[in-house]
Amino acid sequence: MKRLDEGGFLTAEVAVLAFLLLFAVASLAALERSAALLAHSEAETSAMFLAEGELARMEHQARTQGSGASLGERQPHEAEANGRNFTLTPKFSAPGASPSVCQASVRVTWLEKGEVQELSLERTVHLGGGR
C-alpha cells in the first residue's frame, strides 16, 4: 500500500514540474515578443524625432531662401540614434497653386531584423517667411 501512495505522489510532482516548465517556456516567449516590440517602438520613435528635426531644417531653409529659390530634392544622408543607423531622404515638391507654398517631405528608413522599415512625414511650408 505504501508504494502506491509514493507512486501517486511522484506522479503529482512530475505533473506540477511539467506545468511549471510549460509556464516558463511560455513566459520566455512572451518576454522575447515584448523585447522585440520595445525595440521596434524605440526605432520608430527615433525615426519620428529625426524626421521632425529634418523637416524643421528644411522649413528654415525654404523660408530663408524664399519663393524664387529652386529647392528640389536634397541628398539622402545617414543619422544614428540609439545605436541604430537611419537614412533620411528629404524632398521638396514643386509649389502648387500658390508659388509661396510647397510641400516638404522626409522619408526615414532603417534596418530591423533584416527588413527595411520606413516612416514618412510631410509638412506644408510657406516660402519666404510668409505664413
N, C-alpha and C. Protein backbone atom coordinates (compact mmCIF):
# COMPACT_ATOMS: atom_id res chain seq x y z
N MET A 1 0.80 -1.19 0.00
CA MET A 1 0.00 0.00 0.00
C MET A 1 0.86 1.27 0.00
N LYS A 2 1.94 1.25 0.72
CA LYS A 2 2.79 2.42 0.78
C LYS A 2 3.36 2.77 -0.60
N ARG A 3 3.69 1.77 -1.36
CA ARG A 3 4.28 2.02 -2.67
C ARG A 3 3.30 2.70 -3.60
N LEU A 4 2.04 2.40 -3.56
CA LEU A 4 1.05 3.06 -4.39
C LEU A 4 0.94 4.54 -4.02
N ASP A 5 0.97 4.84 -2.72
CA ASP A 5 0.90 6.24 -2.28
C ASP A 5 2.12 7.03 -2.75
N GLU A 6 3.30 6.42 -2.66
CA GLU A 6 4.52 7.10 -3.10
C GLU A 6 4.50 7.30 -4.62
N GLY A 7 3.98 6.33 -5.36
CA GLY A 7 3.89 6.46 -6.81
C GLY A 7 2.93 7.57 -7.21
N GLY A 8 1.83 7.71 -6.50
CA GLY A 8 0.87 8.78 -6.78
C GLY A 8 1.46 10.15 -6.50
N PHE A 9 2.26 10.22 -5.43
CA PHE A 9 2.92 11.47 -5.09
C PHE A 9 3.95 11.84 -6.16
N LEU A 10 4.69 10.85 -6.65
CA LEU A 10 5.67 11.09 -7.70
C LEU A 10 4.99 11.58 -8.98
N THR A 11 3.85 11.00 -9.32
CA THR A 11 3.10 11.43 -10.50
C THR A 11 2.64 12.88 -10.34
N ALA A 12 2.19 13.24 -9.16
CA ALA A 12 1.76 14.62 -8.91
C ALA A 12 2.94 15.59 -9.03
N GLU A 13 4.11 15.18 -8.51
CA GLU A 13 5.30 16.03 -8.63
C GLU A 13 5.69 16.23 -10.09
N VAL A 14 5.67 15.15 -10.87
CA VAL A 14 6.02 15.24 -12.28
C VAL A 14 5.03 16.15 -13.01
N ALA A 15 3.75 16.02 -12.70
CA ALA A 15 2.73 16.86 -13.34
C ALA A 15 2.95 18.34 -13.01
N VAL A 16 3.25 18.64 -11.76
CA VAL A 16 3.49 20.03 -11.34
C VAL A 16 4.75 20.57 -12.02
N LEU A 17 5.82 19.76 -12.06
CA LEU A 17 7.06 20.20 -12.71
C LEU A 17 6.85 20.41 -14.21
N ALA A 18 6.07 19.56 -14.85
CA ALA A 18 5.78 19.73 -16.28
C ALA A 18 5.00 21.02 -16.51
N PHE A 19 4.04 21.31 -15.63
CA PHE A 19 3.26 22.55 -15.74
C PHE A 19 4.18 23.77 -15.57
N LEU A 20 5.07 23.71 -14.58
CA LEU A 20 6.00 24.82 -14.36
C LEU A 20 6.94 25.01 -15.55
N LEU A 21 7.39 23.91 -16.15
CA LEU A 21 8.25 24.00 -17.32
C LEU A 21 7.52 24.64 -18.49
N LEU A 22 6.28 24.23 -18.73
CA LEU A 22 5.49 24.83 -19.81
C LEU A 22 5.24 26.32 -19.55
N PHE A 23 4.97 26.67 -18.30
CA PHE A 23 4.76 28.07 -17.94
C PHE A 23 6.03 28.89 -18.17
N ALA A 24 7.19 28.31 -17.82
CA ALA A 24 8.46 29.02 -18.02
C ALA A 24 8.73 29.25 -19.51
N VAL A 25 8.47 28.24 -20.34
CA VAL A 25 8.69 28.38 -21.78
C VAL A 25 7.75 29.45 -22.35
N ALA A 26 6.49 29.43 -21.93
CA ALA A 26 5.52 30.43 -22.41
C ALA A 26 5.93 31.83 -21.95
N SER A 27 6.44 31.94 -20.74
CA SER A 27 6.88 33.24 -20.23
C SER A 27 8.07 33.77 -21.02
N LEU A 28 9.00 32.89 -21.37
CA LEU A 28 10.16 33.32 -22.15
C LEU A 28 9.74 33.79 -23.54
N ALA A 29 8.79 33.10 -24.14
CA ALA A 29 8.30 33.52 -25.46
C ALA A 29 7.63 34.89 -25.38
N ALA A 30 6.84 35.11 -24.33
CA ALA A 30 6.19 36.40 -24.15
C ALA A 30 7.22 37.50 -23.89
N LEU A 31 8.25 37.17 -23.13
CA LEU A 31 9.31 38.14 -22.85
C LEU A 31 10.07 38.51 -24.13
N GLU A 32 10.35 37.51 -24.96
CA GLU A 32 11.03 37.77 -26.23
C GLU A 32 10.18 38.66 -27.14
N ARG A 33 8.89 38.40 -27.19
CA ARG A 33 7.98 39.21 -28.01
C ARG A 33 7.92 40.65 -27.48
N SER A 34 7.88 40.80 -26.17
CA SER A 34 7.86 42.14 -25.58
C SER A 34 9.14 42.91 -25.90
N ALA A 35 10.27 42.23 -25.84
CA ALA A 35 11.55 42.88 -26.16
C ALA A 35 11.58 43.31 -27.63
N ALA A 36 11.05 42.48 -28.52
CA ALA A 36 11.02 42.83 -29.95
C ALA A 36 10.11 44.04 -30.19
N LEU A 37 8.96 44.07 -29.53
CA LEU A 37 8.05 45.21 -29.67
C LEU A 37 8.67 46.49 -29.12
N LEU A 38 9.38 46.37 -28.01
CA LEU A 38 10.04 47.54 -27.43
C LEU A 38 11.12 48.07 -28.37
N ALA A 39 11.91 47.18 -28.96
CA ALA A 39 12.96 47.61 -29.89
C ALA A 39 12.35 48.28 -31.12
N HIS A 40 11.25 47.73 -31.64
CA HIS A 40 10.59 48.34 -32.80
C HIS A 40 10.03 49.72 -32.45
N SER A 41 9.41 49.82 -31.29
CA SER A 41 8.84 51.09 -30.86
C SER A 41 9.94 52.14 -30.67
N GLU A 42 11.06 51.72 -30.10
CA GLU A 42 12.19 52.64 -29.90
C GLU A 42 12.73 53.14 -31.23
N ALA A 43 12.86 52.23 -32.20
CA ALA A 43 13.36 52.62 -33.52
C ALA A 43 12.38 53.56 -34.22
N GLU A 44 11.11 53.27 -34.11
CA GLU A 44 10.09 54.11 -34.74
C GLU A 44 10.06 55.51 -34.12
N THR A 45 10.21 55.58 -32.80
CA THR A 45 10.24 56.87 -32.11
C THR A 45 11.48 57.67 -32.52
N SER A 46 12.62 57.00 -32.61
CA SER A 46 13.84 57.68 -33.05
C SER A 46 13.68 58.20 -34.47
N ALA A 47 13.09 57.40 -35.34
CA ALA A 47 12.86 57.82 -36.73
C ALA A 47 11.94 59.04 -36.77
N MET A 48 10.93 59.06 -35.92
CA MET A 48 9.99 60.18 -35.87
C MET A 48 10.72 61.47 -35.45
N PHE A 49 11.55 61.39 -34.42
CA PHE A 49 12.29 62.57 -33.98
C PHE A 49 13.28 63.05 -35.05
N LEU A 50 13.96 62.12 -35.71
CA LEU A 50 14.88 62.50 -36.78
C LEU A 50 14.14 63.18 -37.93
N ALA A 51 12.99 62.64 -38.29
CA ALA A 51 12.20 63.22 -39.38
C ALA A 51 11.70 64.61 -39.01
N GLU A 52 11.23 64.79 -37.79
CA GLU A 52 10.76 66.11 -37.34
C GLU A 52 11.90 67.13 -37.38
N GLY A 53 13.08 66.72 -36.94
CA GLY A 53 14.23 67.62 -36.98
C GLY A 53 14.61 68.00 -38.40
N GLU A 54 14.58 67.02 -39.29
CA GLU A 54 14.90 67.29 -40.70
C GLU A 54 13.86 68.22 -41.32
N LEU A 55 12.58 68.00 -41.03
CA LEU A 55 11.53 68.89 -41.55
C LEU A 55 11.71 70.32 -41.05
N ALA A 56 12.12 70.47 -39.80
CA ALA A 56 12.36 71.82 -39.26
C ALA A 56 13.52 72.49 -40.00
N ARG A 57 14.60 71.74 -40.27
CA ARG A 57 15.72 72.31 -41.03
C ARG A 57 15.29 72.68 -42.44
N MET A 58 14.50 71.82 -43.06
CA MET A 58 14.02 72.10 -44.42
C MET A 58 13.13 73.34 -44.45
N GLU A 59 12.26 73.46 -43.47
CA GLU A 59 11.37 74.62 -43.41
C GLU A 59 12.19 75.90 -43.23
N HIS A 60 13.19 75.84 -42.37
CA HIS A 60 14.05 77.00 -42.16
C HIS A 60 14.77 77.37 -43.45
N GLN A 61 15.30 76.36 -44.16
CA GLN A 61 15.98 76.61 -45.43
C GLN A 61 15.04 77.24 -46.44
N ALA A 62 13.82 76.73 -46.55
CA ALA A 62 12.85 77.25 -47.52
C ALA A 62 12.47 78.69 -47.20
N ARG A 63 12.28 78.98 -45.93
CA ARG A 63 11.91 80.34 -45.55
C ARG A 63 13.07 81.31 -45.77
N THR A 64 14.28 80.84 -45.56
CA THR A 64 15.45 81.69 -45.73
C THR A 64 15.71 81.99 -47.20
N GLN A 65 15.57 80.96 -48.05
CA GLN A 65 15.86 81.13 -49.48
C GLN A 65 14.74 81.83 -50.24
N GLY A 66 13.53 81.75 -49.74
CA GLY A 66 12.41 82.44 -50.39
C GLY A 66 11.79 81.66 -51.52
N SER A 67 10.77 82.25 -52.11
CA SER A 67 9.98 81.54 -53.13
C SER A 67 10.68 81.45 -54.47
N GLY A 68 11.68 82.27 -54.72
CA GLY A 68 12.37 82.22 -56.00
C GLY A 68 13.41 81.11 -56.08
N ALA A 69 13.74 80.51 -54.96
CA ALA A 69 14.81 79.51 -54.92
C ALA A 69 14.33 78.17 -55.46
N SER A 70 15.27 77.45 -56.03
CA SER A 70 14.99 76.10 -56.50
C SER A 70 15.37 75.14 -55.37
N LEU A 71 14.36 74.64 -54.67
CA LEU A 71 14.63 73.80 -53.50
C LEU A 71 14.89 72.35 -53.91
N GLY A 72 14.01 71.79 -54.73
CA GLY A 72 14.19 70.44 -55.27
C GLY A 72 14.46 69.36 -54.25
N GLU A 73 15.14 68.30 -54.73
CA GLU A 73 15.43 67.15 -53.89
C GLU A 73 16.82 67.30 -53.29
N ARG A 74 16.94 66.95 -52.05
CA ARG A 74 18.23 67.01 -51.37
C ARG A 74 18.81 65.61 -51.28
N GLN A 75 20.08 65.53 -51.02
CA GLN A 75 20.77 64.24 -50.95
C GLN A 75 20.36 63.47 -49.69
N PRO A 76 20.15 62.16 -49.83
CA PRO A 76 19.91 61.33 -48.64
C PRO A 76 21.16 61.36 -47.75
N HIS A 77 20.95 61.28 -46.46
CA HIS A 77 22.09 61.25 -45.55
C HIS A 77 21.79 60.31 -44.38
N GLU A 78 22.84 59.89 -43.74
CA GLU A 78 22.75 58.94 -42.63
C GLU A 78 22.68 59.68 -41.31
N ALA A 79 21.99 59.06 -40.36
CA ALA A 79 21.95 59.58 -38.99
C ALA A 79 21.93 58.38 -38.05
N GLU A 80 22.45 58.56 -36.86
CA GLU A 80 22.49 57.48 -35.88
C GLU A 80 21.75 57.93 -34.64
N ALA A 81 20.90 57.06 -34.11
CA ALA A 81 20.18 57.35 -32.87
C ALA A 81 19.95 56.03 -32.14
N ASN A 82 20.23 56.03 -30.85
CA ASN A 82 20.03 54.85 -30.01
C ASN A 82 20.73 53.61 -30.57
N GLY A 83 21.92 53.78 -31.12
CA GLY A 83 22.68 52.66 -31.63
C GLY A 83 22.17 52.07 -32.93
N ARG A 84 21.31 52.79 -33.60
CA ARG A 84 20.73 52.29 -34.86
C ARG A 84 20.99 53.33 -35.95
N ASN A 85 21.26 52.86 -37.17
CA ASN A 85 21.51 53.76 -38.30
C ASN A 85 20.24 53.98 -39.10
N PHE A 86 20.01 55.23 -39.45
CA PHE A 86 18.83 55.62 -40.22
C PHE A 86 19.30 56.35 -41.48
N THR A 87 18.53 56.23 -42.55
CA THR A 87 18.77 57.00 -43.77
C THR A 87 17.61 57.97 -43.96
N LEU A 88 17.93 59.25 -44.05
CA LEU A 88 16.91 60.28 -44.23
C LEU A 88 16.97 60.78 -45.67
N THR A 89 15.82 60.79 -46.33
CA THR A 89 15.73 61.27 -47.71
C THR A 89 14.76 62.44 -47.75
N PRO A 90 15.28 63.68 -47.71
CA PRO A 90 14.41 64.86 -47.75
C PRO A 90 14.05 65.23 -49.19
N LYS A 91 12.88 65.83 -49.35
CA LYS A 91 12.43 66.21 -50.70
C LYS A 91 11.45 67.37 -50.59
N PHE A 92 11.62 68.35 -51.48
CA PHE A 92 10.65 69.44 -51.63
C PHE A 92 9.85 69.16 -52.89
N SER A 93 8.54 69.32 -52.81
CA SER A 93 7.73 69.21 -54.02
C SER A 93 7.57 70.61 -54.61
N ALA A 94 7.27 70.66 -55.89
CA ALA A 94 7.09 71.94 -56.57
C ALA A 94 5.90 72.68 -55.97
N PRO A 95 5.98 74.00 -55.96
CA PRO A 95 4.84 74.78 -55.45
C PRO A 95 3.56 74.46 -56.22
N GLY A 96 2.47 74.47 -55.53
CA GLY A 96 1.18 74.17 -56.16
C GLY A 96 0.52 75.42 -56.69
N ALA A 97 -0.71 75.65 -56.29
CA ALA A 97 -1.49 76.79 -56.76
C ALA A 97 -0.83 78.11 -56.36
N SER A 98 -0.26 78.13 -55.19
CA SER A 98 0.40 79.35 -54.72
C SER A 98 1.91 79.17 -54.81
N PRO A 99 2.62 80.09 -55.46
CA PRO A 99 4.08 79.96 -55.57
C PRO A 99 4.80 80.16 -54.24
N SER A 100 4.09 80.62 -53.23
CA SER A 100 4.73 80.84 -51.94
C SER A 100 4.54 79.65 -50.99
N VAL A 101 4.00 78.54 -51.50
CA VAL A 101 3.77 77.35 -50.67
C VAL A 101 4.34 76.12 -51.36
N CYS A 102 4.99 75.26 -50.60
CA CYS A 102 5.44 73.97 -51.14
C CYS A 102 5.32 72.90 -50.06
N GLN A 103 5.51 71.65 -50.45
CA GLN A 103 5.45 70.54 -49.51
C GLN A 103 6.86 70.04 -49.26
N ALA A 104 7.20 69.88 -48.01
CA ALA A 104 8.48 69.27 -47.63
C ALA A 104 8.16 67.88 -47.08
N SER A 105 8.90 66.89 -47.52
CA SER A 105 8.68 65.54 -47.01
C SER A 105 10.02 64.89 -46.69
N VAL A 106 9.98 63.99 -45.72
CA VAL A 106 11.17 63.25 -45.32
C VAL A 106 10.79 61.78 -45.21
N ARG A 107 11.59 60.95 -45.84
CA ARG A 107 11.41 59.50 -45.75
C ARG A 107 12.59 58.97 -44.94
N VAL A 108 12.28 58.26 -43.85
CA VAL A 108 13.31 57.70 -42.99
C VAL A 108 13.25 56.18 -43.11
N THR A 109 14.38 55.56 -43.39
CA THR A 109 14.44 54.10 -43.48
C THR A 109 15.51 53.58 -42.52
N TRP A 110 15.28 52.37 -42.02
CA TRP A 110 16.24 51.70 -41.17
C TRP A 110 16.05 50.19 -41.30
N LEU A 111 17.06 49.46 -40.88
CA LEU A 111 17.05 48.01 -40.99
C LEU A 111 16.69 47.41 -39.64
N GLU A 112 15.70 46.52 -39.63
CA GLU A 112 15.28 45.87 -38.40
C GLU A 112 15.02 44.39 -38.69
N LYS A 113 15.81 43.55 -38.06
CA LYS A 113 15.72 42.09 -38.26
C LYS A 113 15.83 41.72 -39.73
N GLY A 114 16.71 42.38 -40.44
CA GLY A 114 16.94 42.07 -41.84
C GLY A 114 15.93 42.66 -42.81
N GLU A 115 14.94 43.38 -42.31
CA GLU A 115 13.92 44.00 -43.16
C GLU A 115 14.01 45.52 -43.08
N VAL A 116 13.78 46.17 -44.21
CA VAL A 116 13.80 47.63 -44.25
C VAL A 116 12.46 48.15 -43.72
N GLN A 117 12.55 49.03 -42.73
CA GLN A 117 11.37 49.69 -42.17
C GLN A 117 11.37 51.13 -42.68
N GLU A 118 10.20 51.73 -42.76
CA GLU A 118 10.10 53.08 -43.34
C GLU A 118 9.08 53.92 -42.59
N LEU A 119 9.39 55.21 -42.49
CA LEU A 119 8.47 56.18 -41.91
C LEU A 119 8.58 57.44 -42.76
N SER A 120 7.45 58.05 -43.10
CA SER A 120 7.45 59.27 -43.92
C SER A 120 6.63 60.35 -43.23
N LEU A 121 7.14 61.56 -43.26
CA LEU A 121 6.41 62.73 -42.74
C LEU A 121 6.41 63.81 -43.81
N GLU A 122 5.38 64.63 -43.78
CA GLU A 122 5.22 65.69 -44.76
C GLU A 122 4.74 66.95 -44.05
N ARG A 123 5.18 68.10 -44.56
CA ARG A 123 4.77 69.38 -43.97
C ARG A 123 4.58 70.42 -45.07
N THR A 124 3.56 71.25 -44.92
CA THR A 124 3.35 72.37 -45.83
C THR A 124 4.22 73.52 -45.36
N VAL A 125 5.01 74.07 -46.30
CA VAL A 125 5.96 75.13 -45.96
C VAL A 125 5.58 76.39 -46.73
N HIS A 126 5.52 77.50 -46.00
CA HIS A 126 5.27 78.81 -46.60
C HIS A 126 6.62 79.45 -46.87
N LEU A 127 6.93 79.68 -48.12
CA LEU A 127 8.24 80.18 -48.52
C LEU A 127 8.41 81.66 -48.23
N GLY A 128 9.64 82.06 -48.07
CA GLY A 128 9.98 83.47 -47.93
C GLY A 128 9.50 84.10 -46.64
N GLY A 129 9.27 83.32 -45.62
CA GLY A 129 8.88 83.87 -44.32
C GLY A 129 7.42 84.20 -44.18
N GLY A 130 6.62 84.14 -45.24
CA GLY A 130 5.19 84.40 -45.12
C GLY A 130 4.46 83.25 -44.48
N ARG A 131 3.35 83.52 -43.83
CA ARG A 131 2.58 82.45 -43.21
C ARG A 131 1.15 82.52 -43.54
